[in-house]
Protein backbone atom coordinates (compact mmCIF):
# COMPACT_ATOMS: atom_id res chain seq x y z
CA MET A 1 68.46 92.22 116.38
CA THR A 2 64.84 91.27 116.06
CA GLY A 3 61.91 92.39 113.95
CA GLY A 4 63.99 93.07 110.82
CA THR A 5 63.62 91.51 107.41
CA ALA A 6 67.18 91.93 106.09
CA ARG A 7 70.59 92.26 107.71
CA VAL A 8 74.22 92.58 106.57
CA THR A 9 77.59 93.25 108.19
CA VAL A 10 80.17 95.45 106.49
CA ARG A 11 83.85 95.70 107.39
CA VAL A 12 85.62 98.92 106.37
CA PRO A 13 89.30 99.88 106.80
CA ALA A 14 91.00 102.98 108.10
CA THR A 15 92.89 104.97 105.50
CA SER A 16 95.71 107.46 105.32
CA ALA A 17 95.52 110.04 102.55
CA ASN A 18 98.07 112.34 100.91
CA LEU A 19 101.08 110.27 102.04
CA GLY A 20 103.13 113.47 101.98
CA PRO A 21 103.31 114.80 98.41
CA GLY A 22 100.17 113.09 97.03
CA PHE A 23 97.75 115.80 98.18
CA ASP A 24 94.11 114.83 97.48
CA THR A 25 95.38 112.00 95.26
CA LEU A 26 97.21 109.19 97.07
CA GLY A 27 95.74 106.97 99.76
CA LEU A 28 96.59 103.80 101.65
CA ALA A 29 94.19 101.32 103.25
CA LEU A 30 95.25 100.18 106.72
CA GLY A 31 94.54 97.07 108.77
CA LEU A 32 92.30 98.78 111.31
CA HIS A 33 88.57 98.26 110.80
CA ASP A 34 85.10 99.38 111.77
CA GLU A 35 82.31 96.82 111.57
CA ILE A 36 78.75 97.91 110.93
CA GLU A 37 75.78 95.59 111.16
CA ALA A 38 72.84 97.12 109.30
CA GLU A 39 69.30 95.83 109.36
CA ILE A 40 66.16 97.00 107.61
CA SER A 41 63.15 96.90 109.90
CA ASP A 42 59.43 96.95 109.22
CA SER A 43 59.08 99.10 112.33
CA PRO A 44 59.56 102.81 111.60
CA GLY A 45 62.45 104.77 113.08
CA ILE A 46 66.20 104.63 113.59
CA ASP A 47 67.86 102.44 116.19
CA ILE A 48 71.64 102.85 116.58
CA ALA A 49 74.06 101.35 119.06
CA VAL A 50 77.73 102.37 118.96
CA GLU A 51 80.58 100.61 120.71
CA GLY A 52 84.10 102.03 120.73
CA GLU A 53 85.02 105.29 119.01
CA GLY A 54 82.22 107.84 119.01
CA ALA A 55 80.07 106.03 121.57
CA GLY A 56 77.83 108.59 123.24
CA GLU A 57 78.92 111.29 120.76
CA LEU A 58 77.50 110.39 117.35
CA ASP A 59 74.06 111.39 116.11
CA PRO A 60 71.65 108.62 117.17
CA GLY A 61 69.21 109.26 114.32
CA GLU A 62 68.94 110.34 110.71
CA GLY A 63 72.05 112.50 111.05
CA HIS A 64 74.30 109.48 111.60
CA LEU A 65 76.62 109.33 108.59
CA VAL A 66 76.02 105.63 107.89
CA VAL A 67 72.25 106.16 107.94
CA SER A 68 72.28 109.26 105.73
CA THR A 69 74.62 107.48 103.29
CA MET A 70 72.38 104.42 103.17
CA ARG A 71 69.44 106.66 102.33
CA ALA A 72 71.44 108.43 99.61
CA THR A 73 72.35 105.03 98.17
CA PHE A 74 68.76 103.81 98.12
CA ASP A 75 67.83 107.05 96.33
CA ARG A 76 70.68 106.58 93.84
CA MET A 77 69.41 103.09 93.09
CA GLY A 78 65.84 104.31 92.66
CA LEU A 79 64.58 102.26 95.59
CA ALA A 80 61.96 103.02 98.18
CA GLN A 81 63.30 104.10 101.55
CA PRO A 82 62.87 101.46 104.25
CA ARG A 83 60.58 102.22 107.16
CA GLY A 84 63.25 101.55 109.74
CA ILE A 85 67.01 101.13 109.92
CA ARG A 86 68.92 99.54 112.77
CA LEU A 87 72.69 99.79 113.14
CA ARG A 88 75.17 98.13 115.45
CA CYS A 89 78.55 99.82 115.05
CA LEU A 90 81.84 98.54 116.39
CA ASN A 91 84.14 101.50 115.77
CA ARG A 92 87.90 101.06 116.04
CA ILE A 93 89.04 103.89 113.75
CA PRO A 94 89.83 107.04 115.77
CA HIS A 95 87.62 110.00 114.92
CA ALA A 96 88.97 113.35 113.68
CA ARG A 97 92.54 112.05 113.66
CA GLY A 98 93.29 111.82 109.93
CA LEU A 99 92.59 108.10 109.55
CA GLY A 100 89.50 108.27 107.37
CA SER A 101 86.74 107.57 109.89
CA SER A 102 84.19 109.58 107.87
CA SER A 103 85.16 107.83 104.65
CA ALA A 104 84.80 104.48 106.40
CA ALA A 105 81.27 105.39 107.52
CA ILE A 106 80.34 106.53 104.02
CA CYS A 107 81.70 103.39 102.37
CA ALA A 108 79.98 101.23 104.98
CA GLY A 109 76.65 102.91 104.27
CA ILE A 110 76.99 102.42 100.52
CA LEU A 111 77.98 98.76 100.71
CA ALA A 112 75.32 97.99 103.30
CA ALA A 113 72.57 99.59 101.23
CA ARG A 114 73.79 97.89 98.04
CA ALA A 115 73.74 94.50 99.73
CA LEU A 116 70.34 95.09 101.34
CA ALA A 117 68.90 96.17 97.98
CA ALA A 118 69.13 92.54 96.88
CA THR A 119 66.68 91.52 99.62
CA PRO A 120 62.91 92.12 99.84
CA TYR A 121 61.72 94.63 102.39
CA ALA A 122 58.51 96.53 102.95
CA GLY A 123 58.01 98.99 100.11
CA ASN A 124 60.65 97.23 98.02
CA PRO A 125 59.34 93.73 97.17
CA ARG A 126 61.25 91.45 94.85
CA PRO A 127 58.52 89.14 93.53
CA GLY A 128 59.34 86.55 90.90
CA GLY A 129 63.09 86.79 91.36
CA ASP A 130 63.34 90.38 90.13
CA HIS A 131 66.90 91.69 90.12
CA PRO A 132 67.65 94.89 92.07
CA PRO A 133 69.00 97.92 90.23
CA GLU A 134 72.75 97.68 89.81
CA LEU A 135 75.21 99.89 91.67
CA THR A 136 78.63 99.21 90.17
CA ASP A 137 81.94 99.75 91.93
CA ASP A 138 82.43 102.86 89.78
CA ASP A 139 79.01 104.11 90.89
CA ALA A 140 79.96 103.45 94.51
CA LEU A 141 83.17 105.46 94.11
CA ALA A 142 81.28 108.35 92.53
CA LEU A 143 78.62 108.36 95.25
CA ALA A 144 81.20 108.14 98.04
CA THR A 145 83.25 110.95 96.52
CA GLY A 146 80.19 113.13 96.17
CA ILE A 147 79.35 112.71 99.84
CA GLU A 148 82.93 113.00 101.14
CA GLY A 149 84.03 115.74 98.75
CA HIS A 150 87.35 114.17 97.73
CA PRO A 151 88.26 110.68 96.45
CA ASP A 152 91.62 110.23 98.21
CA ASN A 153 90.21 108.50 101.33
CA VAL A 154 87.17 106.73 99.89
CA ALA A 155 89.23 105.19 97.05
CA PRO A 156 91.54 103.10 99.27
CA CYS A 157 88.68 102.35 101.65
CA LEU A 158 86.65 100.82 98.82
CA ALA A 159 89.46 99.21 96.83
CA GLY A 160 92.16 98.45 99.41
CA GLY A 161 95.90 98.75 98.93
CA LEU A 162 97.58 101.88 97.61
CA THR A 163 95.36 104.00 95.37
CA VAL A 164 95.86 106.88 92.99
CA ALA A 165 92.58 108.78 92.63
CA TRP A 166 91.62 111.60 90.30
CA THR A 167 88.56 113.32 88.86
CA ASP A 168 88.16 113.69 85.11
CA PRO A 169 87.03 116.94 83.40
CA GLY A 170 83.44 115.75 83.63
CA GLY A 171 83.71 115.49 87.41
CA VAL A 172 83.76 111.68 87.49
CA PRO A 173 86.23 110.14 89.98
CA HIS A 174 88.52 107.25 89.05
CA LEU A 175 91.12 105.17 90.83
CA VAL A 176 94.07 102.93 90.13
CA ARG A 177 94.85 100.29 92.76
CA LEU A 178 98.40 99.17 93.48
CA LEU A 179 99.94 96.98 96.14
CA PRO A 180 102.88 98.30 98.15
CA HIS A 181 105.87 96.05 98.54
CA GLU A 182 105.48 93.67 101.48
CA ALA A 183 108.53 95.23 103.15
CA VAL A 184 106.64 98.53 103.68
CA ARG A 185 105.52 98.65 107.32
CA PRO A 186 102.98 101.41 108.11
CA VAL A 187 103.03 102.70 111.67
CA VAL A 188 100.47 105.24 112.86
CA LEU A 189 101.20 107.56 115.77
CA VAL A 190 97.88 108.74 117.17
CA PRO A 191 97.58 111.65 119.63
CA ALA A 192 94.78 112.07 122.14
CA HIS A 193 93.60 115.37 120.65
CA ARG A 194 91.46 115.77 117.55
CA LEU A 195 91.50 118.08 114.55
CA SER A 196 88.67 118.53 112.08
CA THR A 197 89.42 118.21 108.38
CA GLU A 198 87.58 121.50 107.76
CA THR A 199 89.90 123.34 110.17
CA ALA A 200 93.01 121.87 108.58
CA ARG A 201 91.83 122.50 105.04
CA GLY A 202 90.95 126.09 105.90
CA LEU A 203 94.63 126.84 106.50
CA LEU A 204 95.65 126.04 102.94
CA PRO A 205 96.42 128.97 100.62
CA LYS A 206 94.47 129.49 97.40
CA ASP A 207 97.69 129.57 95.37
CA VAL A 208 101.10 127.95 95.75
CA PRO A 209 104.43 128.67 94.03
CA HIS A 210 104.96 126.84 90.74
CA ALA A 211 108.25 125.42 92.04
CA ASP A 212 106.45 123.83 95.01
CA ALA A 213 103.80 122.28 92.78
CA ALA A 214 106.47 120.89 90.47
CA ALA A 215 108.44 119.50 93.39
CA ASN A 216 105.39 117.70 94.76
CA ALA A 217 104.54 116.24 91.37
CA GLY A 218 108.01 114.75 91.15
CA ARG A 219 107.95 113.44 94.71
CA ALA A 220 104.50 111.86 94.26
CA ALA A 221 105.72 109.99 91.19
CA LEU A 222 108.83 108.92 93.08
CA LEU A 223 106.70 107.73 96.00
CA ILE A 224 104.77 105.30 93.79
CA ALA A 225 108.08 103.80 92.68
CA ALA A 226 109.45 103.76 96.24
CA LEU A 227 106.38 101.99 97.65
CA THR A 228 105.87 99.39 94.95
CA ALA A 229 109.52 98.41 94.43
CA ARG A 230 111.56 97.02 97.28
CA PRO A 231 111.63 100.08 99.55
CA GLU A 232 114.91 101.76 100.41
CA PRO A 233 114.77 104.05 103.48
CA GLU A 234 116.63 106.89 101.73
CA LEU A 235 114.31 106.72 98.74
CA LEU A 236 111.17 106.66 100.91
CA LEU A 237 112.47 109.64 102.85
CA ALA A 238 113.08 111.67 99.69
CA ALA A 239 109.79 110.56 98.14
CA THR A 240 107.68 111.74 101.10
CA GLU A 241 108.85 115.37 101.02
CA ASP A 242 105.92 117.77 100.76
CA ARG A 243 105.55 121.49 100.03
CA LEU A 244 101.82 121.81 99.43
CA HIS A 245 99.98 121.25 102.69
CA GLN A 246 101.89 120.07 105.76
CA ASP A 247 103.76 123.28 106.58
CA TYR A 248 100.64 125.38 106.04
CA ARG A 249 98.71 123.22 108.49
CA ALA A 250 101.46 123.09 111.10
CA PRO A 251 100.11 126.01 113.21
CA ALA A 252 96.95 123.98 113.93
CA MET A 253 98.96 120.93 115.05
CA PRO A 254 102.43 122.00 116.23
CA HIS A 255 103.09 118.75 118.10
CA THR A 256 102.36 116.77 114.94
CA ALA A 257 104.65 118.97 112.88
CA GLU A 258 107.44 118.64 115.43
CA LEU A 259 107.11 114.84 115.57
CA VAL A 260 107.27 114.62 111.79
CA ARG A 261 110.45 116.72 111.84
CA ARG A 262 112.05 114.56 114.54
CA LEU A 263 111.25 111.33 112.78
CA ARG A 264 112.51 112.57 109.45
CA ARG A 265 115.74 113.78 111.02
CA ALA A 266 116.15 110.24 112.35
CA GLY A 267 115.72 108.85 108.84
CA VAL A 268 112.07 107.72 109.07
CA ALA A 269 109.72 108.55 106.17
CA ALA A 270 107.10 110.28 108.33
CA VAL A 271 104.17 112.36 107.06
CA VAL A 272 100.95 113.84 108.38
CA SER A 273 98.17 111.27 107.95
CA GLY A 274 95.38 112.87 105.96
CA ALA A 275 94.58 116.25 107.50
CA GLY A 276 96.18 115.20 110.82
CA PRO A 277 96.89 115.18 113.65
CA THR A 278 97.98 111.52 113.36
CA VAL A 279 101.46 110.86 111.96
CA LEU A 280 102.05 108.04 109.49
CA ALA A 281 105.50 106.46 109.29
CA LEU A 282 106.24 104.39 106.19
CA SER A 283 108.88 102.28 107.81
CA THR A 284 111.02 99.32 106.81
CA MET A 285 112.93 96.74 108.81
CA ASN A 286 115.83 99.20 108.84
CA THR A 287 113.86 102.12 110.26
CA GLN A 288 111.06 100.62 112.40
CA ASP A 289 113.17 100.60 115.56
CA LEU A 290 114.00 104.29 115.07
CA ILE A 291 110.40 105.38 115.69
CA ALA A 292 109.70 104.79 119.39
CA PRO A 293 112.71 106.79 120.75
CA GLU A 294 111.41 109.90 118.95
CA VAL A 295 107.76 109.65 119.96
CA GLY A 296 107.34 110.09 123.71
CA ASN A 297 104.38 109.22 125.92
CA ASP A 298 101.70 111.42 124.37
CA TRP A 299 101.24 109.26 121.29
CA HIS A 300 99.79 105.80 120.75
CA ILE A 301 102.13 103.81 118.50
CA GLN A 302 100.26 101.29 116.36
CA PRO A 303 101.97 99.22 113.64
CA LEU A 304 99.42 98.19 111.00
CA ASP A 305 99.32 96.00 107.93
CA VAL A 306 98.28 97.34 104.56
CA GLU A 307 94.67 96.27 104.01
CA THR A 308 94.64 94.77 100.52
CA ARG A 309 90.94 93.95 100.12
CA GLY A 310 89.14 97.14 101.05
CA ALA A 311 85.57 97.47 102.28
CA ARG A 312 83.44 94.35 102.00
CA VAL A 313 80.34 92.59 103.21
CA VAL A 314 81.36 89.82 105.60
CA SER A 315 79.81 86.78 107.19
CA PRO A 316 80.50 85.85 110.84
CA GLU A 317 82.96 83.21 109.63
CA THR A 318 85.10 85.70 107.64
CA ARG A 319 85.50 88.52 110.14
């Protein structure tokens, strides 16, 4: 890109939230990444090029989620808005599939703006070595949660690994980062069709039976143990049982619900990824070969690593 005064590249991972019983709490960062090159320009206006997912579909201007998040971040830091913003987006995370594409865009916008805040640009000079206002990692989590609405996807995107996220009584989000055992092998099963998070969330009841809530609390605690200790297939299967959201959302994604049932009958710890319709299998060496025979031709099977580092600014040498 030419004509700009500052440029950064941010790499952000896909995520899978809920993980079965951990509704709006648990999340896992996955080794599938979007890369966003952001540049501040002295020329006014927005210039966006998208390659991969969302090409030809995403808002080409101020409504683009990375752009609007960058502007919110500059505001949060008390900085002047730049005259122009240019983006080059290489999108690999499927959109509206339950793999955290919106959270990735939000986290990319925050990290890009935070990095660019350390550079001089028109309307935001840094004479005499002035330091930019600080945006801490906790601030980034709070801002991302405020834009996304829930911390379960933005937490693993920012921090990497397995995260437990919650909001305190004052409305401030927090996270704890853990690393799953290296024997855990995430596999995502991605369908061609999409499902919006708003549609899936709209199917959830306002109230659930106390017994179901108690069962999920126990399973979520068990899942932390099952993922961080050496995983046993039977324990992972029991730990991923859910009563709070998957069955309620099944009418909107019957093929997803049926695939989850088939995989679980075969002994695979399968869950709906986020709000769906992607299925996440938390497999081991003992169960990985059980997946493909149950899937069929309508799903893209993609084994992924757990992304341990989370979103970060990268140089060309570290991509």
